[in-house]
Amino acid sequence: WILAACISTPMDAVPVLRQLTREEPSARAYAFQADMIGFCKQWNGVIDSAQKAVELDAGYHAAYYTLAVANNNRENCDDEVLKYCEMYLEKAPSDARKRV
């Protein structure tokens, strides 16, 4: 994680995170990768990575928030935004909830 944090742009971190997800796949690694891709507004890539996080751990609430944000930035995806916001609120502990 330290290496990814020291890279100059978010997209520079993506190859490092892809290698991490190949070596040690985890919901957290995929969610972090989705967040880095999101900084570059590549919403389809965000959705792909966040969905992999959810596939590995259906209870990883941060990935649902990321999916809601990514779909909110795409056109005609209101149903998906609502679905992922509801899933986030359902799975997140009350002290982790953000305004959605």
PDB file of N, CA and C in Angstrom:
ATOM      1  N   TRP A   1       0.823  -1.195   0.000  1.00  0.00           N
ATOM      2  CA  TRP A   1       0.000   0.000   0.000  1.00  0.00           C
ATOM      3  C   TRP A   1       0.867   1.259   0.000  1.00  0.00           C
ATOM      4  N   ILE A   2       1.992   1.196   0.664  1.00  0.00           N
ATOM      5  CA  ILE A   2       2.854   2.376   0.731  1.00  0.00           C
ATOM      6  C   ILE A   2       3.346   2.732  -0.660  1.00  0.00           C
ATOM      7  N   LEU A   3       3.728   1.750  -1.445  1.00  0.00           N
ATOM      8  CA  LEU A   3       4.182   2.005  -2.808  1.00  0.00           C
ATOM      9  C   LEU A   3       3.094   2.681  -3.622  1.00  0.00           C
ATOM     10  N   ALA A   4       1.867   2.184  -3.518  1.00  0.00           N
ATOM     11  CA  ALA A   4       0.756   2.782  -4.257  1.00  0.00           C
ATOM     12  C   ALA A   4       0.525   4.211  -3.812  1.00  0.00           C
ATOM     13  N   ALA A   5       0.706   4.520  -2.538  1.00  0.00           N
ATOM     14  CA  ALA A   5       0.482   5.869  -2.028  1.00  0.00           C
ATOM     15  C   ALA A   5       1.566   6.838  -2.479  1.00  0.00           C
ATOM     16  N   CYS A   6       2.732   6.342  -2.810  1.00  0.00           N
ATOM     17  CA  CYS A   6       3.853   7.211  -3.196  1.00  0.00           C
ATOM     18  C   CYS A   6       3.910   7.495  -4.690  1.00  0.00           C
ATOM     19  N   ILE A   7       3.050   6.917  -5.468  1.00  0.00           N
ATOM     20  CA  ILE A   7       3.068   7.099  -6.911  1.00  0.00           C
ATOM     21  C   ILE A   7       2.450   8.449  -7.241  1.00  0.00           C
ATOM     22  N   SER A   8       2.928   9.090  -8.305  1.00  0.00           N
ATOM     23  CA  SER A   8       2.554  10.477  -8.572  1.00  0.00           C
ATOM     24  C   SER A   8       1.125  10.694  -9.065  1.00  0.00           C
ATOM     25  N   THR A   9       0.561   9.757  -9.807  1.00  0.00           N
ATOM     26  CA  THR A   9      -0.817   9.921 -10.263  1.00  0.00           C
ATOM     27  C   THR A   9      -1.610   8.652  -9.936  1.00  0.00           C
ATOM     28  N   PRO A  10      -2.921   8.781  -9.807  1.00  0.00           N
ATOM     29  CA  PRO A  10      -3.729   7.594  -9.500  1.00  0.00           C
ATOM     30  C   PRO A  10      -3.551   6.471 -10.512  1.00  0.00           C
ATOM     31  N   MET A  11      -3.455   6.802 -11.789  1.00  0.00           N
ATOM     32  CA  MET A  11      -3.332   5.746 -12.799  1.00  0.00           C
ATOM     33  C   MET A  11      -1.985   5.037 -12.721  1.00  0.00           C
ATOM     34  N   ASP A  12      -0.964   5.698 -12.147  1.00  0.00           N
ATOM     35  CA  ASP A  12       0.312   5.009 -11.936  1.00  0.00           C
ATOM     36  C   ASP A  12       0.179   3.899 -10.913  1.00  0.00           C
ATOM     37  N   ALA A  13      -0.787   4.037 -10.014  1.00  0.00           N
ATOM     38  CA  ALA A  13      -0.990   3.032  -8.969  1.00  0.00           C
ATOM     39  C   ALA A  13      -1.720   1.800  -9.484  1.00  0.00           C
ATOM     40  N   VAL A  14      -2.461   1.942 -10.570  1.00  0.00           N
ATOM     41  CA  VAL A  14      -3.304   0.844 -11.047  1.00  0.00           C
ATOM     42  C   VAL A  14      -2.499  -0.410 -11.401  1.00  0.00           C
ATOM     43  N   PRO A  15      -1.377  -0.315 -12.132  1.00  0.00           N
ATOM     44  CA  PRO A  15      -0.617  -1.549 -12.416  1.00  0.00           C
ATOM     45  C   PRO A  15      -0.111  -2.234 -11.142  1.00  0.00           C
ATOM     46  N   VAL A  16       0.291  -1.448 -10.158  1.00  0.00           N
ATOM     47  CA  VAL A  16       0.752  -2.015  -8.894  1.00  0.00           C
ATOM     48  C   VAL A  16      -0.401  -2.746  -8.206  1.00  0.00           C
ATOM     49  N   LEU A  17      -1.568  -2.126  -8.227  1.00  0.00           N
ATOM     50  CA  LEU A  17      -2.738  -2.745  -7.602  1.00  0.00           C
ATOM     51  C   LEU A  17      -3.208  -3.968  -8.380  1.00  0.00           C
ATOM     52  N   ARG A  18      -3.093  -3.935  -9.703  1.00  0.00           N
ATOM     53  CA  ARG A  18      -3.451  -5.116 -10.493  1.00  0.00           C
ATOM     54  C   ARG A  18      -2.551  -6.292 -10.143  1.00  0.00           C
ATOM     55  N   GLN A  19      -1.265  -6.012  -9.958  1.00  0.00           N
ATOM     56  CA  GLN A  19      -0.344  -7.067  -9.564  1.00  0.00           C
ATOM     57  C   GLN A  19      -0.718  -7.591  -8.178  1.00  0.00           C
ATOM     58  N   LEU A  20      -1.059  -6.692  -7.270  1.00  0.00           N
ATOM     59  CA  LEU A  20      -1.467  -7.108  -5.927  1.00  0.00           C
ATOM     60  C   LEU A  20      -2.709  -7.984  -5.979  1.00  0.00           C
ATOM     61  N   THR A  21      -3.678  -7.621  -6.818  1.00  0.00           N
ATOM     62  CA  THR A  21      -4.906  -8.418  -6.885  1.00  0.00           C
ATOM     63  C   THR A  21      -4.661  -9.778  -7.533  1.00  0.00           C
ATOM     64  N   ARG A  22      -3.642  -9.876  -8.376  1.00  0.00           N
ATOM     65  CA  ARG A  22      -3.283 -11.184  -8.938  1.00  0.00           C
ATOM     66  C   ARG A  22      -2.598 -12.051  -7.887  1.00  0.00           C
ATOM     67  N   GLU A  23      -1.708 -11.432  -7.100  1.00  0.00           N
ATOM     68  CA  GLU A  23      -0.935 -12.194  -6.124  1.00  0.00           C
ATOM     69  C   GLU A  23      -1.740 -12.519  -4.871  1.00  0.00           C
ATOM     70  N   GLU A  24      -2.480 -11.538  -4.383  1.00  0.00           N
ATOM     71  CA  GLU A  24      -3.265 -11.706  -3.161  1.00  0.00           C
ATOM     72  C   GLU A  24      -4.624 -11.047  -3.349  1.00  0.00           C
ATOM     73  N   PRO A  25      -5.523 -11.667  -4.097  1.00  0.00           N
ATOM     74  CA  PRO A  25      -6.822 -11.039  -4.346  1.00  0.00           C
ATOM     75  C   PRO A  25      -7.576 -10.784  -3.032  1.00  0.00           C
ATOM     76  N   SER A  26      -8.070  -9.568  -2.905  1.00  0.00           N
ATOM     77  CA  SER A  26      -8.887  -9.232  -1.736  1.00  0.00           C
ATOM     78  C   SER A  26      -9.876  -8.146  -2.141  1.00  0.00           C
ATOM     79  N   ALA A  27     -10.969  -8.092  -1.437  1.00  0.00           N
ATOM     80  CA  ALA A  27     -11.974  -7.061  -1.713  1.00  0.00           C
ATOM     81  C   ALA A  27     -11.372  -5.680  -1.513  1.00  0.00           C
ATOM     82  N   ARG A  28     -10.554  -5.535  -0.482  1.00  0.00           N
ATOM     83  CA  ARG A  28      -9.945  -4.231  -0.197  1.00  0.00           C
ATOM     84  C   ARG A  28      -9.038  -3.775  -1.338  1.00  0.00           C
ATOM     85  N   ALA A  29      -8.231  -4.680  -1.879  1.00  0.00           N
ATOM     86  CA  ALA A  29      -7.326  -4.328  -2.975  1.00  0.00           C
ATOM     87  C   ALA A  29      -8.122  -3.920  -4.222  1.00  0.00           C
ATOM     88  N   TYR A  30      -9.163  -4.691  -4.547  1.00  0.00           N
ATOM     89  CA  TYR A  30      -9.989  -4.328  -5.707  1.00  0.00           C
ATOM     90  C   TYR A  30     -10.712  -3.007  -5.494  1.00  0.00           C
ATOM     91  N   ALA A  31     -11.194  -2.764  -4.277  1.00  0.00           N
ATOM     92  CA  ALA A  31     -11.888  -1.507  -3.997  1.00  0.00           C
ATOM     93  C   ALA A  31     -10.923  -0.330  -4.093  1.00  0.00           C
ATOM     94  N   PHE A  32      -9.717  -0.502  -3.600  1.00  0.00           N
ATOM     95  CA  PHE A  32      -8.720   0.557  -3.702  1.00  0.00           C
ATOM     96  C   PHE A  32      -8.371   0.821  -5.162  1.00  0.00           C
ATOM     97  N   GLN A  33      -8.249  -0.243  -5.940  1.00  0.00           N
ATOM     98  CA  GLN A  33      -7.994  -0.104  -7.380  1.00  0.00           C
ATOM     99  C   GLN A  33      -9.136   0.665  -8.035  1.00  0.00           C
ATOM    100  N   ALA A  34     -10.364   0.351  -7.685  1.00  0.00           N
ATOM    101  CA  ALA A  34     -11.525   1.051  -8.231  1.00  0.00           C
ATOM    102  C   ALA A  34     -11.466   2.533  -7.890  1.00  0.00           C
ATOM    103  N   ASP A  35     -11.067   2.855  -6.661  1.00  0.00           N
ATOM    104  CA  ASP A  35     -10.965   4.255  -6.265  1.00  0.00           C
ATOM    105  C   ASP A  35      -9.907   4.999  -7.075  1.00  0.00           C
ATOM    106  N   MET A  36      -8.771   4.353  -7.313  1.00  0.00           N
ATOM    107  CA  MET A  36      -7.714   5.002  -8.103  1.00  0.00           C
ATOM    108  C   MET A  36      -8.181   5.250  -9.539  1.00  0.00           C
ATOM    109  N   ILE A  37      -8.872   4.285 -10.113  1.00  0.00           N
ATOM    110  CA  ILE A  37      -9.401   4.450 -11.467  1.00  0.00           C
ATOM    111  C   ILE A  37     -10.450   5.556 -11.481  1.00  0.00           C
ATOM    112  N   GLY A  38     -11.207   5.673 -10.407  1.00  0.00           N
ATOM    113  CA  GLY A  38     -12.227   6.711 -10.308  1.00  0.00           C
ATOM    114  C   GLY A  38     -11.657   8.115 -10.327  1.00  0.00           C
ATOM    115  N   PHE A  39     -10.464   8.302  -9.794  1.00  0.00           N
ATOM    116  CA  PHE A  39      -9.839   9.620  -9.841  1.00  0.00           C
ATOM    117  C   PHE A  39      -9.635  10.089 -11.277  1.00  0.00           C
ATOM    118  N   CYS A  40      -9.548   9.132 -12.195  1.00  0.00           N
ATOM    119  CA  CYS A  40      -9.359   9.460 -13.615  1.00  0.00           C
ATOM    120  C   CYS A  40     -10.671   9.405 -14.388  1.00  0.00           C
ATOM    121  N   LYS A  41     -11.768   9.248 -13.663  1.00  0.00           N
ATOM    122  CA  LYS A  41     -13.111   9.268 -14.239  1.00  0.00           C
ATOM    123  C   LYS A  41     -13.341   8.196 -15.300  1.00  0.00           C
ATOM    124  N   GLN A  42     -12.752   7.046 -15.100  1.00  0.00           N
ATOM    125  CA  GLN A  42     -12.969   5.902 -15.987  1.00  0.00           C
ATOM    126  C   GLN A  42     -13.982   4.985 -15.305  1.00  0.00           C
ATOM    127  N   TRP A  43     -15.248   5.377 -15.423  1.00  0.00           N
ATOM    128  CA  TRP A  43     -16.314   4.774 -14.618  1.00  0.00           C
ATOM    129  C   TRP A  43     -16.537   3.296 -14.900  1.00  0.00           C
ATOM    130  N   ASN A  44     -16.372   2.866 -16.138  1.00  0.00           N
ATOM    131  CA  ASN A  44     -16.535   1.435 -16.424  1.00  0.00           C
ATOM    132  C   ASN A  44     -15.454   0.609 -15.727  1.00  0.00           C
ATOM    133  N   GLY A  45     -14.249   1.131 -15.692  1.00  0.00           N
ATOM    134  CA  GLY A  45     -13.172   0.455 -14.976  1.00  0.00           C
ATOM    135  C   GLY A  45     -13.418   0.415 -13.478  1.00  0.00           C
ATOM    136  N   VAL A  46     -13.978   1.502 -12.957  1.00  0.00           N
ATOM    137  CA  VAL A  46     -14.333   1.553 -11.535  1.00  0.00           C
ATOM    138  C   VAL A  46     -15.347   0.456 -11.220  1.00  0.00           C
ATOM    139  N   ILE A  47     -16.368   0.376 -12.048  1.00  0.00           N
ATOM    140  CA  ILE A  47     -17.422  -0.617 -11.833  1.00  0.00           C
ATOM    141  C   ILE A  47     -16.867  -2.036 -11.907  1.00  0.00           C
ATOM    142  N   ASP A  48     -16.010  -2.309 -12.891  1.00  0.00           N
ATOM    143  CA  ASP A  48     -15.416  -3.647 -13.014  1.00  0.00           C
ATOM    144  C   ASP A  48     -14.640  -4.033 -11.751  1.00  0.00           C
ATOM    145  N   SER A  49     -13.805  -3.127 -11.271  1.00  0.00           N
ATOM    146  CA  SER A  49     -12.991  -3.431 -10.088  1.00  0.00           C
ATOM    147  C   SER A  49     -13.845  -3.553  -8.833  1.00  0.00           C
ATOM    148  N   ALA A  50     -14.806  -2.647  -8.662  1.00  0.00           N
ATOM    149  CA  ALA A  50     -15.655  -2.692  -7.470  1.00  0.00           C
ATOM    150  C   ALA A  50     -16.527  -3.953  -7.462  1.00  0.00           C
ATOM    151  N   GLN A  51     -16.981  -4.377  -8.633  1.00  0.00           N
ATOM    152  CA  GLN A  51     -17.768  -5.608  -8.691  1.00  0.00           C
ATOM    153  C   GLN A  51     -16.921  -6.825  -8.326  1.00  0.00           C
ATOM    154  N   LYS A  52     -15.646  -6.812  -8.690  1.00  0.00           N
ATOM    155  CA  LYS A  52     -14.761  -7.914  -8.286  1.00  0.00           C
ATOM    156  C   LYS A  52     -14.592  -7.926  -6.769  1.00  0.00           C
ATOM    157  N   ALA A  53     -14.543  -6.730  -6.176  1.00  0.00           N
ATOM    158  CA  ALA A  53     -14.451  -6.650  -4.709  1.00  0.00           C
ATOM    159  C   ALA A  53     -15.681  -7.281  -4.067  1.00  0.00           C
ATOM    160  N   VAL A  54     -16.843  -6.968  -4.617  1.00  0.00           N
ATOM    161  CA  VAL A  54     -18.105  -7.506  -4.080  1.00  0.00           C
ATOM    162  C   VAL A  54     -18.187  -9.011  -4.292  1.00  0.00           C
ATOM    163  N   GLU A  55     -17.670  -9.506  -5.416  1.00  0.00           N
ATOM    164  CA  GLU A  55     -17.667 -10.943  -5.666  1.00  0.00           C
ATOM    165  C   GLU A  55     -16.822 -11.684  -4.627  1.00  0.00           C
ATOM    166  N   LEU A  56     -15.701 -11.068  -4.226  1.00  0.00           N
ATOM    167  CA  LEU A  56     -14.842 -11.697  -3.228  1.00  0.00           C
ATOM    168  C   LEU A  56     -15.415 -11.603  -1.816  1.00  0.00           C
ATOM    169  N   ASP A  57     -16.079 -10.483  -1.527  1.00  0.00           N
ATOM    170  CA  ASP A  57     -16.630 -10.278  -0.190  1.00  0.00           C
ATOM    171  C   ASP A  57     -17.913  -9.462  -0.310  1.00  0.00           C
ATOM    172  N   ALA A  58     -19.037 -10.143  -0.310  1.00  0.00           N
ATOM    173  CA  ALA A  58     -20.331  -9.478  -0.484  1.00  0.00           C
ATOM    174  C   ALA A  58     -20.654  -8.519   0.658  1.00  0.00           C
ATOM    175  N   GLY A  59     -19.943  -8.609   1.761  1.00  0.00           N
ATOM    176  CA  GLY A  59     -20.181  -7.717   2.886  1.00  0.00           C
ATOM    177  C   GLY A  59     -19.278  -6.506   2.923  1.00  0.00           C
ATOM    178  N   TYR A  60     -18.413  -6.354   1.926  1.00  0.00           N
ATOM    179  CA  TYR A  60     -17.467  -5.229   1.907  1.00  0.00           C
ATOM    180  C   TYR A  60     -18.203  -3.957   1.467  1.00  0.00           C
ATOM    181  N   HIS A  61     -18.720  -3.232   2.438  1.00  0.00           N
ATOM    182  CA  HIS A  61     -19.636  -2.121   2.172  1.00  0.00           C
ATOM    183  C   HIS A  61     -19.025  -0.981   1.365  1.00  0.00           C
ATOM    184  N   ALA A  62     -17.727  -0.734   1.490  1.00  0.00           N
ATOM    185  CA  ALA A  62     -17.099   0.373   0.757  1.00  0.00           C
ATOM    186  C   ALA A  62     -17.219   0.190  -0.757  1.00  0.00           C
ATOM    187  N   ALA A  63     -17.196  -1.052  -1.217  1.00  0.00           N
ATOM    188  CA  ALA A  63     -17.310  -1.306  -2.654  1.00  0.00           C
ATOM    189  C   ALA A  63     -18.685  -0.908  -3.188  1.00  0.00           C
ATOM    190  N   TYR A  64     -19.724  -1.061  -2.373  1.00  0.00           N
ATOM    191  CA  TYR A  64     -21.066  -0.655  -2.800  1.00  0.00           C
ATOM    192  C   TYR A  64     -21.154   0.872  -2.936  1.00  0.00           C
ATOM    193  N   TYR A  65     -20.502   1.567  -2.032  1.00  0.00           N
ATOM    194  CA  TYR A  65     -20.466   3.030  -2.122  1.00  0.00           C
ATOM    195  C   TYR A  65     -19.762   3.452  -3.421  1.00  0.00           C
ATOM    196  N   THR A  66     -18.644   2.795  -3.712  1.00  0.00           N
ATOM    197  CA  THR A  66     -17.904   3.086  -4.939  1.00  0.00           C
ATOM    198  C   THR A  66     -18.759   2.796  -6.167  1.00  0.00           C
ATOM    199  N   LEU A  67     -19.495   1.706  -6.157  1.00  0.00           N
ATOM    200  CA  LEU A  67     -20.392   1.383  -7.274  1.00  0.00           C
ATOM    201  C   LEU A  67     -21.480   2.437  -7.427  1.00  0.00           C
ATOM    202  N   ALA A  68     -22.006   2.946  -6.321  1.00  0.00           N
ATOM    203  CA  ALA A  68     -23.029   3.993  -6.390  1.00  0.00           C
ATOM    204  C   ALA A  68     -22.452   5.262  -7.004  1.00  0.00           C
ATOM    205  N   VAL A  69     -21.261   5.653  -6.580  1.00  0.00           N
ATOM    206  CA  VAL A  69     -20.624   6.863  -7.109  1.00  0.00           C
ATOM    207  C   VAL A  69     -20.328   6.713  -8.599  1.00  0.00           C
ATOM    208  N   ALA A  70     -19.780   5.558  -8.990  1.00  0.00           N
ATOM    209  CA  ALA A  70     -19.445   5.339 -10.401  1.00  0.00           C
ATOM    210  C   ALA A  70     -20.694   5.381 -11.274  1.00  0.00           C
ATOM    211  N   ASN A  71     -21.745   4.726 -10.836  1.00  0.00           N
ATOM    212  CA  ASN A  71     -22.980   4.730 -11.625  1.00  0.00           C
ATOM    213  C   ASN A  71     -23.634   6.096 -11.639  1.00  0.00           C
ATOM    214  N   ASN A  72     -23.451   6.874 -10.585  1.00  0.00           N
ATOM    215  CA  ASN A  72     -23.987   8.232 -10.542  1.00  0.00           C
ATOM    216  C   ASN A  72     -23.329   9.123 -11.603  1.00  0.00           C
ATOM    217  N   ASN A  73     -22.125   8.779 -11.989  1.00  0.00           N
ATOM    218  CA  ASN A  73     -21.394   9.561 -12.980  1.00  0.00           C
ATOM    219  C   ASN A  73     -21.601   9.057 -14.402  1.00  0.00           C
ATOM    220  N   ARG A  74     -22.437   8.072 -14.568  1.00  0.00           N
ATOM    221  CA  ARG A  74     -22.801   7.580 -15.895  1.00  0.00           C
ATOM    222  C   ARG A  74     -24.234   8.011 -16.182  1.00  0.00           C
ATOM    223  N   GLU A  75     -24.563   8.117 -17.437  1.00  0.00           N
ATOM    224  CA  GLU A  75     -25.917   8.540 -17.809  1.00  0.00           C
ATOM    225  C   GLU A  75     -26.898   7.387 -17.712  1.00  0.00           C
ATOM    226  N   ASN A  76     -28.120   7.710 -17.326  1.00  0.00           N
ATOM    227  CA  ASN A  76     -29.229   6.756 -17.272  1.00  0.00           C
ATOM    228  C   ASN A  76     -28.958   5.548 -16.386  1.00  0.00           C
ATOM    229  N   CYS A  77     -28.346   5.789 -15.245  1.00  0.00           N
ATOM    230  CA  CYS A  77     -28.042   4.685 -14.325  1.00  0.00           C
ATOM    231  C   CYS A  77     -28.655   4.915 -12.950  1.00  0.00           C
ATOM    232  N   ASP A  78     -29.750   5.648 -12.899  1.00  0.00           N
ATOM    233  CA  ASP A  78     -30.364   5.984 -11.613  1.00  0.00           C
ATOM    234  C   ASP A  78     -30.774   4.751 -10.820  1.00  0.00           C
ATOM    235  N   ASP A  79     -31.273   3.727 -11.503  1.00  0.00           N
ATOM    236  CA  ASP A  79     -31.680   2.504 -10.801  1.00  0.00           C
ATOM    237  C   ASP A  79     -30.485   1.832 -10.123  1.00  0.00           C
ATOM    238  N   GLU A  80     -29.340   1.812 -10.812  1.00  0.00           N
ATOM    239  CA  GLU A  80     -28.147   1.207 -10.231  1.00  0.00           C
ATOM    240  C   GLU A  80     -27.647   2.030  -9.049  1.00  0.00           C
ATOM    241  N   VAL A  81     -27.705   3.353  -9.176  1.00  0.00           N
ATOM    242  CA  VAL A  81     -27.271   4.220  -8.072  1.00  0.00           C
ATOM    243  C   VAL A  81     -28.101   3.926  -6.832  1.00  0.00           C
ATOM    244  N   LEU A  82     -29.393   3.895  -6.996  1.00  0.00           N
ATOM    245  CA  LEU A  82     -30.286   3.619  -5.869  1.00  0.00           C
ATOM    246  C   LEU A  82     -30.020   2.233  -5.279  1.00  0.00           C
ATOM    247  N   LYS A  83     -29.850   1.239  -6.142  1.00  0.00           N
ATOM    248  CA  LYS A  83     -29.603  -0.133  -5.671  1.00  0.00           C
ATOM    249  C   LYS A  83     -28.333  -0.203  -4.834  1.00  0.00           C
ATOM    250  N   TYR A  84     -27.243   0.404  -5.317  1.00  0.00           N
ATOM    251  CA  TYR A  84     -25.980   0.325  -4.598  1.00  0.00           C
ATOM    252  C   TYR A  84     -25.968   1.195  -3.349  1.00  0.00           C
ATOM    253  N   CYS A  85     -26.674   2.306  -3.359  1.00  0.00           N
ATOM    254  CA  CYS A  85     -26.800   3.118  -2.140  1.00  0.00           C
ATOM    255  C   CYS A  85     -27.528   2.324  -1.060  1.00  0.00           C
ATOM    256  N   GLU A  86     -28.595   1.662  -1.443  1.00  0.00           N
ATOM    257  CA  GLU A  86     -29.341   0.854  -0.480  1.00  0.00           C
ATOM    258  C   GLU A  86     -28.493  -0.299   0.053  1.00  0.00           C
ATOM    259  N   MET A  87     -27.717  -0.923  -0.822  1.00  0.00           N
ATOM    260  CA  MET A  87     -26.867  -2.030  -0.384  1.00  0.00           C
ATOM    261  C   MET A  87     -25.778  -1.523   0.557  1.00  0.00           C
ATOM    262  N   TYR A  88     -25.221  -0.358   0.252  1.00  0.00           N
ATOM    263  CA  TYR A  88     -24.213   0.234   1.123  1.00  0.00           C
ATOM    264  C   TYR A  88     -24.797   0.486   2.510  1.00  0.00           C
ATOM    265  N   LEU A  89     -25.958   1.135   2.550  1.00  0.00           N
ATOM    266  CA  LEU A  89     -26.573   1.461   3.833  1.00  0.00           C
ATOM    267  C   LEU A  89     -26.966   0.208   4.612  1.00  0.00           C
ATOM    268  N   GLU A  90     -27.340  -0.830   3.895  1.00  0.00           N
ATOM    269  CA  GLU A  90     -27.717  -2.085   4.538  1.00  0.00           C
ATOM    270  C   GLU A  90     -26.514  -2.776   5.174  1.00  0.00           C
ATOM    271  N   LYS A  91     -25.368  -2.717   4.496  1.00  0.00           N
ATOM    272  CA  LYS A  91     -24.209  -3.481   4.943  1.00  0.00           C
ATOM    273  C   LYS A  91     -23.248  -2.694   5.830  1.00  0.00           C
ATOM    274  N   ALA A  92     -23.247  -1.374   5.703  1.00  0.00           N
ATOM    275  CA  ALA A  92     -22.291  -0.565   6.458  1.00  0.00           C
ATOM    276  C   ALA A  92     -22.704  -0.444   7.923  1.00  0.00           C
ATOM    277  N   PRO A  93     -21.738  -0.539   8.824  1.00  0.00           N
ATOM    278  CA  PRO A  93     -22.072  -0.272  10.221  1.00  0.00           C
ATOM    279  C   PRO A  93     -22.448   1.206  10.369  1.00  0.00           C
ATOM    280  N   SER A  94     -23.238   1.517  11.352  1.00  0.00           N
ATOM    281  CA  SER A  94     -23.756   2.887  11.469  1.00  0.00           C
ATOM    282  C   SER A  94     -22.650   3.927  11.611  1.00  0.00           C
ATOM    283  N   ASP A  95     -21.503   3.579  12.169  1.00  0.00           N
ATOM    284  CA  ASP A  95     -20.447   4.573  12.300  1.00  0.00           C
ATOM    285  C   ASP A  95     -19.629   4.746  11.008  1.00  0.00           C
ATOM    286  N   ALA A  96     -19.876   3.932   9.989  1.00  0.00           N
ATOM    287  CA  ALA A  96     -19.161   4.040   8.720  1.00  0.00           C
ATOM    288  C   ALA A  96     -19.998   4.724   7.648  1.00  0.00           C
ATOM    289  N   ARG A  97     -21.251   5.017   7.945  1.00  0.00           N
ATOM    290  CA  ARG A  97     -22.130   5.559   6.917  1.00  0.00           C
ATOM    291  C   ARG A  97     -21.771   6.994   6.577  1.00  0.00           C
ATOM    292  N   LYS A  98     -21.828   7.259   5.282  1.00  0.00           N
ATOM    293  CA  LYS A  98     -21.617   8.603   4.769  1.00  0.00           C
ATOM    294  C   LYS A  98     -22.953   9.109   4.270  1.00  0.00           C
ATOM    295  N   ARG A  99     -22.996  10.358   3.926  1.00  0.00           N
ATOM    296  CA  ARG A  99     -24.226  10.859   3.305  1.00  0.00           C
ATOM    297  C   ARG A  99     -24.286  10.345   1.883  1.00  0.00           C
ATOM    298  N   VAL A 100     -25.334   9.667   1.549  1.00  0.00           N
ATOM    299  CA  VAL A 100     -25.503   9.121   0.196  1.00  0.00           C
ATOM    300  C   VAL A 100     -26.753   9.661  -0.412  1.00  0.00           C
TER     301      VAL A 100
END
